[in-house]
Protein backbone atom coordinates (compact mmCIF):
# COMPACT_ATOMS: atom_id res chain seq x y z
CA MET A 1 274.69 31.21 -13.67
CA ALA A 2 272.95 32.24 -10.45
CA ILE A 3 269.51 30.83 -9.82
CA ASN A 4 267.08 33.11 -8.02
CA LYS A 5 264.71 31.46 -5.59
CA SER A 6 261.08 32.34 -5.93
CA GLU A 7 259.44 34.12 -3.04
CA VAL A 8 256.20 33.49 -1.22
CA PHE A 9 253.57 36.18 -1.70
CA SER A 10 250.40 35.65 0.31
CA VAL A 11 247.31 37.60 -0.58
CA ARG A 12 243.75 37.46 0.67
CA VAL A 13 241.02 37.75 -1.97
CA GLU A 14 237.29 37.15 -2.14
CA PRO A 15 236.32 33.59 -3.04
CA ARG A 16 234.83 34.69 -6.38
CA ILE A 17 238.13 36.33 -7.39
CA LYS A 18 240.09 33.21 -6.50
CA ALA A 19 237.62 31.06 -8.44
CA ALA A 20 237.98 33.29 -11.50
CA VAL A 21 241.79 33.09 -11.40
CA GLN A 22 241.63 29.31 -10.88
CA THR A 23 239.34 28.99 -13.89
CA ALA A 24 241.71 31.07 -16.03
CA ALA A 25 244.68 28.99 -14.87
CA GLU A 26 242.91 25.72 -15.66
CA ARG A 27 241.92 26.92 -19.13
CA GLU A 28 245.52 27.86 -19.90
CA MET A 29 246.92 24.73 -18.22
CA ARG A 30 248.89 26.80 -15.71
CA SER A 31 249.36 26.58 -11.98
CA LEU A 32 247.60 29.19 -9.90
CA ALA A 33 250.98 30.72 -9.00
CA ASN A 34 252.06 30.91 -12.65
CA MET A 35 248.72 32.46 -13.67
CA PHE A 36 249.10 35.10 -10.99
CA GLU A 37 252.63 35.84 -12.20
CA VAL A 38 251.46 36.13 -15.82
CA MET A 39 248.69 38.51 -14.81
CA VAL A 40 250.99 40.72 -12.75
CA VAL A 41 253.60 40.90 -15.53
CA ALA A 42 250.89 41.73 -18.09
CA TYR A 43 249.48 44.45 -15.85
CA CYS A 44 252.89 45.99 -15.24
CA ARG A 45 253.69 46.00 -18.97
CA ASP A 46 250.28 47.39 -19.95
CA HIS A 47 250.51 50.22 -17.42
CA GLY A 48 254.16 51.13 -17.88
CA TYR A 49 255.43 49.87 -14.53
CA PRO A 50 259.06 48.82 -14.69
CA LEU A 51 260.18 45.27 -14.08
CA PRO A 52 263.68 46.05 -12.78
CA GLY A 53 266.35 43.44 -13.21
CA VAL A 54 264.15 41.28 -15.43
CA PRO A 55 265.34 41.05 -19.04
CA GLU A 56 262.55 41.29 -21.62
CA ASP A 57 263.38 37.92 -23.17
CA ALA A 58 263.42 36.20 -19.78
CA LEU A 59 259.65 36.68 -19.59
CA ARG A 60 258.75 34.92 -22.85
CA HIS A 61 257.63 31.82 -20.94
CA LEU A 62 255.08 34.04 -19.19
CA GLN A 63 253.37 35.22 -22.38
CA THR A 64 249.67 34.44 -22.28
CA ARG A 65 248.91 31.23 -24.11
CA LYS A 66 246.13 31.25 -26.64
CA ASN A 67 243.10 29.18 -25.75
CA PRO A 68 242.62 26.56 -28.49
CA SER A 69 238.82 26.53 -28.16
């Protein structure tokens, strides 16, 4: 089975946006990179953008976790 390497994706955002994403990541016990990936996948799915080459079941680990509080 081939293993795909992840890629670096740099983005510049306002400090308040970064703080909000960091807060969300901490609450869901995710890394900042994983939270960003979850958010992008959710956006693409919600707006009908294709995720070519990515099987639907391969993204289960990216499903948003429910906050226990």
